[in-house]
Amino acid sequence: MPQPPSPTPSPAGQPDPTPPPTRAYLDAWKAGNEQSFAGLQGRFTPLLRRRIRRHPSWPALKDHWQVDDALQQLWTNALPALRTKFQHNGPGSLEAYLGRICDDTVTSLVRSHLAQKRGRGGPRPLPTDFDAAAPKPGAAAPVSPTSEARASEFAQLARAVLTDREHEAWELVELQGFTSEEAAVALDASAAAVRGLLLRARARLIARLGGDA
């Protein structure tokens, strides 16, 4: 895998602290360094390949598209958005953003495939004003007001009780279903560090819930 770009020397002549590899690749891509794409691709392709296969609409495509073809389309959609729209908001934010683009890409491919079957033309690209951060109608299964309120209450509790790093690890693994190894890529940490964060997060939540009982 390509090494992250070297840090730029500070005015005092000393190099700035080296940013995490993911952030370094992203900053280089935004600055116009085309070679940094290989770094982003190497770090995130395994996660995105798994996400494609786990997408609820993938069974409708798997007999007609290879996962690598879907990945190529995904990166085609993602790269312009990463350069012009994405704003880094801490560890895990890039992984979450790419995940939303992944979901939209698969959905778009399914719609195009169904349209072709009905004789309504070829594949449709994502709209030029595509924004992965925008909520997508019908993206989640319907939930009752009661279950939605409880989920919201628990999410607020987690945010209040956990540290930022614990919350990021907990959200990736417990809510999004990634393994500790996959979450480690998004958080620029080791898998062992992620497991440690999860243990502390669960202990804090159990203690708080026990105290509130």
Foldseek 3Di string as FASTA:
>chain_A
DDFQDFADADPVRHGDPDDQRVVSLLVCLLVPNPVSVVVVCVLCVVVLLVLLVVQPLNVLPVVPDDSVVLVVLLCVVVSVCSNPPDDDDAFLRVNVLSSLSSNVSSVQVSVQVVCVVVVNDHGDRDDPPDDSVDDDPPPDDDDDPVVVVVVVVVLVVLVVQADPLLSQLCCCCVPVPDQLCSSCSRNVHHSVVSVVSPVVSVVRSVVVVVVVD
